[in-house]
Amino acid sequence: VAKDLALNLMALQDHGVRLVSEGRTQYFSLHKKMGHLVTAERIDREQLCRLVEKCVLRCEVIVEGEM
């Protein structure tokens, strides 16, 4: 995420960075020391997308402050 947003790791830690997922469950989190997007918990494709061939989980990255 840090690389994709062209942020250095210090800027990533200094700004309020949040990940927002659809629904109540947050499937992803941000590893602030490395700037990587990681899974926050186990993701069960069969449970989430049982009847759908293409399973997509969307999340938004919100960076507060100056970029």
C-alpha atoms as a PDB file:
ATOM      1  CA  VAL A   1       0.000   0.000   0.000  1.00  0.00           C
ATOM      2  CA  ALA A   2       2.790   2.416   0.893  1.00  0.00           C
ATOM      3  CA  LYS A   3       4.473   1.794  -2.462  1.00  0.00           C
ATOM      4  CA  ASP A   4       1.208   2.109  -4.422  1.00  0.00           C
ATOM      5  CA  LEU A   5       0.379   5.423  -2.710  1.00  0.00           C
ATOM      6  CA  ALA A   6       3.972   6.662  -3.024  1.00  0.00           C
ATOM      7  CA  LEU A   7       4.239   7.137   0.755  1.00  0.00           C
ATOM      8  CA  ASN A   8       7.367   6.478   2.722  1.00  0.00           C
ATOM      9  CA  LEU A   9       6.904   4.365   5.845  1.00  0.00           C
ATOM     10  CA  MET A  10       7.257   7.330   8.220  1.00  0.00           C
ATOM     11  CA  ALA A  11       4.481   9.181   6.401  1.00  0.00           C
ATOM     12  CA  LEU A  12       2.321   6.074   6.577  1.00  0.00           C
ATOM     13  CA  GLN A  13       2.787   5.894  10.348  1.00  0.00           C
ATOM     14  CA  ASP A  14       2.289   9.647  10.897  1.00  0.00           C
ATOM     15  CA  HIS A  15      -0.951  10.009   8.926  1.00  0.00           C
ATOM     16  CA  GLY A  16      -4.235   8.474  10.023  1.00  0.00           C
ATOM     17  CA  VAL A  17      -4.461   5.546   7.619  1.00  0.00           C
ATOM     18  CA  ARG A  18      -7.521   3.312   7.798  1.00  0.00           C
ATOM     19  CA  LEU A  19      -8.863   0.403   5.799  1.00  0.00           C
ATOM     20  CA  VAL A  20     -12.617   0.201   5.371  1.00  0.00           C
ATOM     21  CA  SER A  21     -14.341  -2.934   4.084  1.00  0.00           C
ATOM     22  CA  GLU A  22     -17.895  -3.468   2.946  1.00  0.00           C
ATOM     23  CA  GLY A  23     -20.047  -4.995   5.658  1.00  0.00           C
ATOM     24  CA  ARG A  24     -19.248  -5.434   9.320  1.00  0.00           C
ATOM     25  CA  THR A  25     -16.242  -7.735   9.081  1.00  0.00           C
ATOM     26  CA  GLN A  26     -12.821  -6.226   8.477  1.00  0.00           C
ATOM     27  CA  TYR A  27     -10.949  -8.827   6.437  1.00  0.00           C
ATOM     28  CA  PHE A  28      -7.836  -6.727   5.884  1.00  0.00           C
ATOM     29  CA  SER A  29      -5.497  -4.613   7.969  1.00  0.00           C
ATOM     30  CA  LEU A  30      -2.425  -2.529   7.295  1.00  0.00           C
ATOM     31  CA  HIS A  31       0.985  -3.559   8.628  1.00  0.00           C
ATOM     32  CA  LYS A  32       2.183  -0.042   9.420  1.00  0.00           C
ATOM     33  CA  LYS A  33       5.866  -0.890   9.862  1.00  0.00           C
ATOM     34  CA  MET A  34       6.086  -2.534   6.424  1.00  0.00           C
ATOM     35  CA  GLY A  35       3.236  -0.794   4.595  1.00  0.00           C
ATOM     36  CA  HIS A  36       1.729  -4.111   3.474  1.00  0.00           C
ATOM     37  CA  LEU A  37      -1.922  -5.046   3.158  1.00  0.00           C
ATOM     38  CA  VAL A  38      -2.509  -8.229   5.192  1.00  0.00           C
ATOM     39  CA  THR A  39      -5.491 -10.382   6.052  1.00  0.00           C
ATOM     40  CA  ALA A  40      -6.913  -9.568   9.467  1.00  0.00           C
ATOM     41  CA  GLU A  41      -8.581 -12.952   9.846  1.00  0.00           C
ATOM     42  CA  ARG A  42      -9.235 -16.196   8.001  1.00  0.00           C
ATOM     43  CA  ILE A  43     -11.210 -15.693   4.779  1.00  0.00           C
ATOM     44  CA  ASP A  44     -13.551 -18.548   3.850  1.00  0.00           C
ATOM     45  CA  ARG A  45     -14.422 -18.231   0.157  1.00  0.00           C
ATOM     46  CA  GLU A  46     -17.106 -20.931   0.305  1.00  0.00           C
ATOM     47  CA  GLN A  47     -18.894 -19.091   3.098  1.00  0.00           C
ATOM     48  CA  LEU A  48     -18.613 -15.624   1.518  1.00  0.00           C
ATOM     49  CA  CYS A  49     -19.263 -16.415  -2.147  1.00  0.00           C
ATOM     50  CA  ARG A  50     -20.977 -19.770  -2.160  1.00  0.00           C
ATOM     51  CA  LEU A  51     -23.134 -19.113  -5.222  1.00  0.00           C
ATOM     52  CA  VAL A  52     -20.851 -16.706  -7.085  1.00  0.00           C
ATOM     53  CA  GLU A  53     -18.128 -17.828  -9.480  1.00  0.00           C
ATOM     54  CA  LYS A  54     -16.059 -14.644  -9.152  1.00  0.00           C
ATOM     55  CA  CYS A  55     -15.481 -13.701  -5.500  1.00  0.00           C
ATOM     56  CA  VAL A  56     -14.358 -10.111  -4.860  1.00  0.00           C
ATOM     57  CA  LEU A  57     -13.729  -8.435  -1.499  1.00  0.00           C
ATOM     58  CA  ARG A  58     -13.461  -4.677  -1.719  1.00  0.00           C
ATOM     59  CA  CYS A  59     -11.807  -2.326   0.732  1.00  0.00           C
ATOM     60  CA  GLU A  60     -10.902   1.341   0.719  1.00  0.00           C
ATOM     61  CA  VAL A  61      -7.711   2.925   2.011  1.00  0.00           C
ATOM     62  CA  ILE A  62      -8.329   6.269   3.683  1.00  0.00           C
ATOM     63  CA  VAL A  63      -5.332   8.508   4.337  1.00  0.00           C
ATOM     64  CA  GLU A  64      -6.006  11.516   6.538  1.00  0.00           C
ATOM     65  CA  GLY A  65      -3.895  14.643   6.422  1.00  0.00           C
ATOM     66  CA  GLU A  66      -1.591  15.834   3.695  1.00  0.00           C
ATOM     67  CA  MET A  67      -0.282  13.497   1.039  1.00  0.00           C
END
